[in-house]
Amino acid sequence: MPVNGYRVNGIQAAGQLGAVSTTTFSKVDRYVVQFTAPTLSSGLVSGAESTYTVSGLSTGTVLVFSPTNPINALYTYRPRCSTANELVIAWGNIGDSTLGGAESTNRGTLLQFAF
């Protein structure tokens, strides 16, 4: 597996989603994940998945991922966690040319919301 992510901080107290919502967070965590965007061939059918170990990541949560440094705007990425402590990022290419090869190791912020 690639380089592990690590937890930066967490909120253990319940937080509310707006002034009129009754939905509360049971936990919000922020992680830093090191990654390298994969090489993807052109076309909408092109894709790859990368798996990372992130201690404390849970299934059944909402994940939001954002690279810290810019990557090619034609990459799409979608995080998910189907096994505890394991982050999978599904990568896609929405362009008509091959992506990657020149991408270097980057880092991104991963937010985890538990309800």
N, C-alpha and C. Protein backbone atom coordinates (compact mmCIF):
# COMPACT_ATOMS: atom_id res chain seq x y z
N MET A 1 0.83 -1.18 0.00
CA MET A 1 0.00 0.00 0.00
C MET A 1 0.88 1.24 0.00
N PRO A 2 0.41 2.33 -0.59
CA PRO A 2 1.17 3.59 -0.59
C PRO A 2 1.32 4.16 0.82
N VAL A 3 1.98 5.28 0.91
CA VAL A 3 2.26 5.95 2.18
C VAL A 3 0.97 6.16 2.97
N ASN A 4 1.04 5.91 4.27
CA ASN A 4 -0.14 6.03 5.14
C ASN A 4 -0.59 7.46 5.32
N GLY A 5 -1.88 7.62 5.56
CA GLY A 5 -2.42 8.91 5.98
C GLY A 5 -2.33 9.00 7.50
N TYR A 6 -2.45 10.18 8.04
CA TYR A 6 -2.43 10.31 9.48
C TYR A 6 -3.46 11.35 9.92
N ARG A 7 -3.97 11.14 11.12
CA ARG A 7 -5.01 12.00 11.67
C ARG A 7 -4.40 13.29 12.17
N VAL A 8 -5.03 14.41 11.82
CA VAL A 8 -4.55 15.71 12.27
C VAL A 8 -5.29 16.12 13.54
N ASN A 9 -6.60 16.04 13.50
CA ASN A 9 -7.39 16.37 14.68
C ASN A 9 -8.78 15.76 14.55
N GLY A 10 -9.55 15.85 15.60
CA GLY A 10 -10.90 15.31 15.56
C GLY A 10 -11.80 16.05 16.52
N ILE A 11 -13.08 16.03 16.22
CA ILE A 11 -14.08 16.64 17.09
C ILE A 11 -14.94 15.50 17.61
N GLN A 12 -14.92 15.29 18.89
CA GLN A 12 -15.68 14.19 19.46
C GLN A 12 -17.09 14.60 19.87
N ALA A 13 -17.30 15.89 20.14
CA ALA A 13 -18.62 16.35 20.55
C ALA A 13 -19.54 16.46 19.34
N ALA A 14 -20.82 16.30 19.55
CA ALA A 14 -21.79 16.41 18.44
C ALA A 14 -21.86 17.85 17.96
N GLY A 15 -21.89 18.01 16.66
CA GLY A 15 -22.05 19.32 16.04
C GLY A 15 -23.32 19.31 15.22
N GLN A 16 -23.90 20.45 14.95
CA GLN A 16 -25.16 20.52 14.23
C GLN A 16 -24.95 21.00 12.81
N LEU A 17 -25.77 20.49 11.87
CA LEU A 17 -25.69 20.85 10.46
C LEU A 17 -26.60 22.03 10.18
N GLY A 18 -26.23 23.22 10.57
CA GLY A 18 -27.07 24.38 10.30
C GLY A 18 -28.03 24.66 11.43
N ALA A 19 -28.65 25.83 11.36
CA ALA A 19 -29.49 26.32 12.45
C ALA A 19 -30.78 25.53 12.64
N VAL A 20 -31.37 24.99 11.57
CA VAL A 20 -32.67 24.33 11.72
C VAL A 20 -32.60 22.82 11.59
N SER A 21 -31.42 22.28 11.35
CA SER A 21 -31.27 20.84 11.18
C SER A 21 -31.27 20.13 12.53
N THR A 22 -31.79 18.92 12.56
CA THR A 22 -31.72 18.10 13.76
C THR A 22 -30.64 17.03 13.62
N THR A 23 -29.96 16.98 12.46
CA THR A 23 -28.89 16.03 12.24
C THR A 23 -27.63 16.53 12.92
N THR A 24 -26.99 15.66 13.68
CA THR A 24 -25.74 16.03 14.35
C THR A 24 -24.61 15.12 13.92
N PHE A 25 -23.40 15.63 14.01
CA PHE A 25 -22.22 14.81 13.79
C PHE A 25 -21.89 14.10 15.09
N SER A 26 -21.51 12.85 15.00
CA SER A 26 -20.98 12.19 16.19
C SER A 26 -19.47 12.34 16.22
N LYS A 27 -18.87 12.59 15.02
CA LYS A 27 -17.42 12.74 14.95
C LYS A 27 -17.07 13.40 13.62
N VAL A 28 -16.08 14.28 13.65
CA VAL A 28 -15.49 14.86 12.44
C VAL A 28 -13.99 14.71 12.58
N ASP A 29 -13.36 14.08 11.59
CA ASP A 29 -11.91 13.90 11.61
C ASP A 29 -11.30 14.50 10.37
N ARG A 30 -10.09 15.01 10.51
CA ARG A 30 -9.34 15.53 9.36
C ARG A 30 -8.03 14.76 9.29
N TYR A 31 -7.72 14.24 8.11
CA TYR A 31 -6.49 13.48 7.88
C TYR A 31 -5.69 14.12 6.77
N VAL A 32 -4.38 13.87 6.78
CA VAL A 32 -3.51 14.24 5.67
C VAL A 32 -3.10 12.94 5.00
N VAL A 33 -3.28 12.87 3.68
CA VAL A 33 -2.96 11.65 2.93
C VAL A 33 -1.95 12.00 1.84
N GLN A 34 -0.85 11.26 1.79
CA GLN A 34 0.12 11.42 0.71
C GLN A 34 -0.28 10.50 -0.43
N PHE A 35 -0.21 11.01 -1.67
CA PHE A 35 -0.63 10.23 -2.82
C PHE A 35 0.14 10.67 -4.06
N THR A 36 0.10 9.85 -5.07
CA THR A 36 0.58 10.21 -6.40
C THR A 36 -0.55 9.88 -7.36
N ALA A 37 -1.01 10.87 -8.10
CA ALA A 37 -2.08 10.64 -9.08
C ALA A 37 -1.58 9.64 -10.12
N PRO A 38 -2.38 8.64 -10.46
CA PRO A 38 -1.92 7.59 -11.38
C PRO A 38 -1.91 8.05 -12.84
N THR A 39 -1.19 7.31 -13.66
CA THR A 39 -1.23 7.53 -15.10
C THR A 39 -2.51 6.91 -15.63
N LEU A 40 -3.30 7.69 -16.37
CA LEU A 40 -4.56 7.22 -16.91
C LEU A 40 -4.61 7.50 -18.41
N SER A 41 -5.06 6.51 -19.17
CA SER A 41 -5.21 6.73 -20.61
C SER A 41 -6.42 7.64 -20.86
N SER A 42 -6.53 8.12 -22.09
CA SER A 42 -7.60 9.05 -22.41
C SER A 42 -8.95 8.34 -22.48
N GLY A 43 -10.00 9.11 -22.32
CA GLY A 43 -11.36 8.58 -22.45
C GLY A 43 -12.06 8.42 -21.13
N LEU A 44 -13.36 8.45 -21.19
CA LEU A 44 -14.18 8.37 -19.99
C LEU A 44 -14.17 6.99 -19.35
N VAL A 45 -13.75 5.97 -20.08
CA VAL A 45 -13.72 4.63 -19.50
C VAL A 45 -12.42 4.38 -18.75
N SER A 46 -11.48 5.32 -18.81
CA SER A 46 -10.22 5.18 -18.12
C SER A 46 -10.41 5.41 -16.62
N GLY A 47 -9.77 4.59 -15.81
CA GLY A 47 -9.88 4.78 -14.37
C GLY A 47 -8.91 3.88 -13.63
N ALA A 48 -8.69 4.19 -12.38
CA ALA A 48 -7.81 3.40 -11.52
C ALA A 48 -8.23 3.63 -10.09
N GLU A 49 -7.82 2.72 -9.22
CA GLU A 49 -8.07 2.88 -7.78
C GLU A 49 -6.75 2.79 -7.04
N SER A 50 -6.61 3.65 -6.04
CA SER A 50 -5.44 3.63 -5.16
C SER A 50 -5.93 3.37 -3.75
N THR A 51 -5.19 2.53 -3.02
CA THR A 51 -5.57 2.17 -1.66
C THR A 51 -4.51 2.68 -0.68
N TYR A 52 -4.98 3.28 0.42
CA TYR A 52 -4.10 3.87 1.42
C TYR A 52 -4.56 3.40 2.81
N THR A 53 -3.62 3.18 3.71
CA THR A 53 -3.95 2.87 5.10
C THR A 53 -4.08 4.18 5.86
N VAL A 54 -5.24 4.40 6.47
CA VAL A 54 -5.50 5.61 7.25
C VAL A 54 -6.11 5.16 8.58
N SER A 55 -5.30 5.17 9.63
CA SER A 55 -5.76 4.71 10.94
C SER A 55 -6.89 5.59 11.45
N GLY A 56 -7.98 4.95 11.87
CA GLY A 56 -9.13 5.66 12.41
C GLY A 56 -10.25 5.87 11.41
N LEU A 57 -10.02 5.56 10.14
CA LEU A 57 -11.06 5.73 9.12
C LEU A 57 -12.13 4.66 9.32
N SER A 58 -13.39 5.04 9.18
CA SER A 58 -14.50 4.14 9.45
C SER A 58 -15.40 3.98 8.23
N THR A 59 -16.03 2.82 8.16
CA THR A 59 -17.03 2.60 7.12
C THR A 59 -18.32 3.32 7.51
N GLY A 60 -19.19 3.57 6.55
CA GLY A 60 -20.48 4.19 6.83
C GLY A 60 -20.38 5.67 7.16
N THR A 61 -19.31 6.32 6.74
CA THR A 61 -19.14 7.75 6.99
C THR A 61 -19.12 8.49 5.66
N VAL A 62 -19.23 9.80 5.73
CA VAL A 62 -19.13 10.65 4.54
C VAL A 62 -17.69 11.14 4.44
N LEU A 63 -17.07 10.94 3.27
CA LEU A 63 -15.69 11.36 3.07
C LEU A 63 -15.61 12.46 2.02
N VAL A 64 -14.77 13.45 2.28
CA VAL A 64 -14.50 14.53 1.34
C VAL A 64 -12.99 14.63 1.20
N PHE A 65 -12.49 14.56 -0.04
CA PHE A 65 -11.05 14.60 -0.29
C PHE A 65 -10.71 15.77 -1.19
N SER A 66 -9.61 16.47 -0.88
CA SER A 66 -9.16 17.57 -1.72
C SER A 66 -7.64 17.62 -1.71
N PRO A 67 -7.01 17.55 -2.89
CA PRO A 67 -5.55 17.69 -2.94
C PRO A 67 -5.12 19.05 -2.41
N THR A 68 -4.01 19.07 -1.67
CA THR A 68 -3.48 20.32 -1.14
C THR A 68 -2.83 21.15 -2.23
N ASN A 69 -2.04 20.50 -3.08
CA ASN A 69 -1.40 21.15 -4.20
C ASN A 69 -2.17 20.81 -5.48
N PRO A 70 -2.16 21.68 -6.45
CA PRO A 70 -2.93 21.43 -7.67
C PRO A 70 -2.48 20.18 -8.42
N ILE A 71 -3.46 19.46 -8.96
CA ILE A 71 -3.20 18.37 -9.89
C ILE A 71 -3.92 18.72 -11.17
N ASN A 72 -3.65 18.00 -12.23
CA ASN A 72 -4.29 18.28 -13.51
C ASN A 72 -5.81 18.31 -13.32
N ALA A 73 -6.45 19.34 -13.87
CA ALA A 73 -7.90 19.54 -13.69
C ALA A 73 -8.73 18.46 -14.37
N LEU A 74 -8.13 17.64 -15.22
CA LEU A 74 -8.88 16.59 -15.91
C LEU A 74 -9.01 15.32 -15.08
N TYR A 75 -8.32 15.25 -13.94
CA TYR A 75 -8.50 14.13 -13.01
C TYR A 75 -9.82 14.29 -12.26
N THR A 76 -10.51 13.20 -12.07
CA THR A 76 -11.62 13.16 -11.10
C THR A 76 -11.19 12.20 -9.99
N TYR A 77 -11.69 12.40 -8.80
CA TYR A 77 -11.34 11.53 -7.69
C TYR A 77 -12.52 11.42 -6.75
N ARG A 78 -12.70 10.21 -6.23
CA ARG A 78 -13.82 9.94 -5.33
C ARG A 78 -13.34 9.01 -4.22
N PRO A 79 -13.36 9.48 -2.97
CA PRO A 79 -12.90 8.65 -1.87
C PRO A 79 -14.02 7.73 -1.34
N ARG A 80 -13.60 6.59 -0.81
CA ARG A 80 -14.56 5.71 -0.13
C ARG A 80 -13.81 4.85 0.89
N CYS A 81 -14.56 4.33 1.83
CA CYS A 81 -14.00 3.43 2.84
C CYS A 81 -14.95 2.26 3.00
N SER A 82 -14.57 1.09 2.49
CA SER A 82 -15.42 -0.09 2.65
C SER A 82 -14.83 -1.08 3.64
N THR A 83 -13.60 -0.81 4.10
CA THR A 83 -12.94 -1.60 5.12
C THR A 83 -12.32 -0.62 6.11
N ALA A 84 -12.51 -0.86 7.40
CA ALA A 84 -11.97 0.05 8.41
C ALA A 84 -10.48 0.30 8.19
N ASN A 85 -10.07 1.54 8.38
CA ASN A 85 -8.67 1.97 8.26
C ASN A 85 -8.12 1.92 6.84
N GLU A 86 -9.00 1.80 5.85
CA GLU A 86 -8.54 1.71 4.46
C GLU A 86 -9.28 2.71 3.59
N LEU A 87 -8.53 3.63 2.99
CA LEU A 87 -9.07 4.61 2.07
C LEU A 87 -8.83 4.14 0.65
N VAL A 88 -9.87 4.17 -0.18
CA VAL A 88 -9.73 3.89 -1.61
C VAL A 88 -10.12 5.16 -2.35
N ILE A 89 -9.25 5.61 -3.24
CA ILE A 89 -9.57 6.75 -4.10
C ILE A 89 -9.74 6.22 -5.51
N ALA A 90 -10.93 6.41 -6.06
CA ALA A 90 -11.21 6.03 -7.44
C ALA A 90 -10.88 7.23 -8.32
N TRP A 91 -9.96 7.03 -9.27
CA TRP A 91 -9.49 8.09 -10.14
C TRP A 91 -10.11 7.95 -11.52
N GLY A 92 -10.38 9.07 -12.16
CA GLY A 92 -10.89 9.07 -13.52
C GLY A 92 -10.22 10.15 -14.34
N ASN A 93 -10.39 10.05 -15.67
CA ASN A 93 -9.82 11.02 -16.60
C ASN A 93 -10.95 11.50 -17.50
N ILE A 94 -11.27 12.79 -17.42
CA ILE A 94 -12.37 13.32 -18.23
C ILE A 94 -11.86 13.99 -19.50
N GLY A 95 -10.56 13.82 -19.78
CA GLY A 95 -9.97 14.45 -20.95
C GLY A 95 -9.79 13.49 -22.11
N ASP A 96 -9.25 14.01 -23.20
CA ASP A 96 -9.02 13.18 -24.37
C ASP A 96 -7.53 12.93 -24.60
N SER A 97 -6.73 13.08 -23.53
CA SER A 97 -5.31 12.75 -23.62
C SER A 97 -4.91 12.00 -22.35
N THR A 98 -3.78 11.30 -22.42
CA THR A 98 -3.28 10.53 -21.28
C THR A 98 -2.83 11.48 -20.17
N LEU A 99 -3.16 11.13 -18.94
CA LEU A 99 -2.75 11.91 -17.77
C LEU A 99 -1.71 11.14 -16.98
N GLY A 100 -0.85 11.86 -16.28
CA GLY A 100 0.11 11.25 -15.38
C GLY A 100 1.49 11.15 -15.99
N GLY A 101 2.34 10.45 -15.30
CA GLY A 101 3.71 10.32 -15.74
C GLY A 101 4.58 11.43 -15.16
N ALA A 102 4.08 12.65 -15.16
CA ALA A 102 4.83 13.79 -14.61
C ALA A 102 4.33 14.17 -13.23
N GLU A 103 3.31 13.48 -12.73
CA GLU A 103 2.77 13.81 -11.40
C GLU A 103 3.75 13.36 -10.32
N SER A 104 3.98 14.21 -9.35
CA SER A 104 4.86 13.86 -8.24
C SER A 104 4.02 13.56 -7.00
N THR A 105 4.69 13.08 -5.96
CA THR A 105 3.99 12.80 -4.71
C THR A 105 3.36 14.09 -4.21
N ASN A 106 2.13 13.99 -3.81
CA ASN A 106 1.36 15.14 -3.37
C ASN A 106 0.73 14.78 -2.04
N ARG A 107 0.05 15.71 -1.44
CA ARG A 107 -0.73 15.39 -0.23
C ARG A 107 -2.09 16.04 -0.36
N GLY A 108 -3.04 15.47 0.34
CA GLY A 108 -4.39 15.98 0.30
C GLY A 108 -5.02 15.92 1.67
N THR A 109 -6.10 16.65 1.83
CA THR A 109 -6.86 16.66 3.08
C THR A 109 -8.08 15.78 2.90
N LEU A 110 -8.29 14.90 3.85
CA LEU A 110 -9.46 14.02 3.86
C LEU A 110 -10.28 14.35 5.10
N LEU A 111 -11.54 14.69 4.89
CA LEU A 111 -12.45 14.91 6.01
C LEU A 111 -13.40 13.72 6.12
N GLN A 112 -13.63 13.29 7.35
CA GLN A 112 -14.55 12.19 7.63
C GLN A 112 -15.64 12.69 8.57
N PHE A 113 -16.89 12.55 8.13
CA PHE A 113 -18.04 12.96 8.94
C PHE A 113 -18.82 11.71 9.35
N ALA A 114 -18.99 11.51 10.63
CA ALA A 114 -19.79 10.40 11.14
C ALA A 114 -21.05 10.98 11.76
N PHE A 115 -22.17 10.31 11.52
CA PHE A 115 -23.47 10.79 12.02
C PHE A 115 -24.03 9.83 13.04
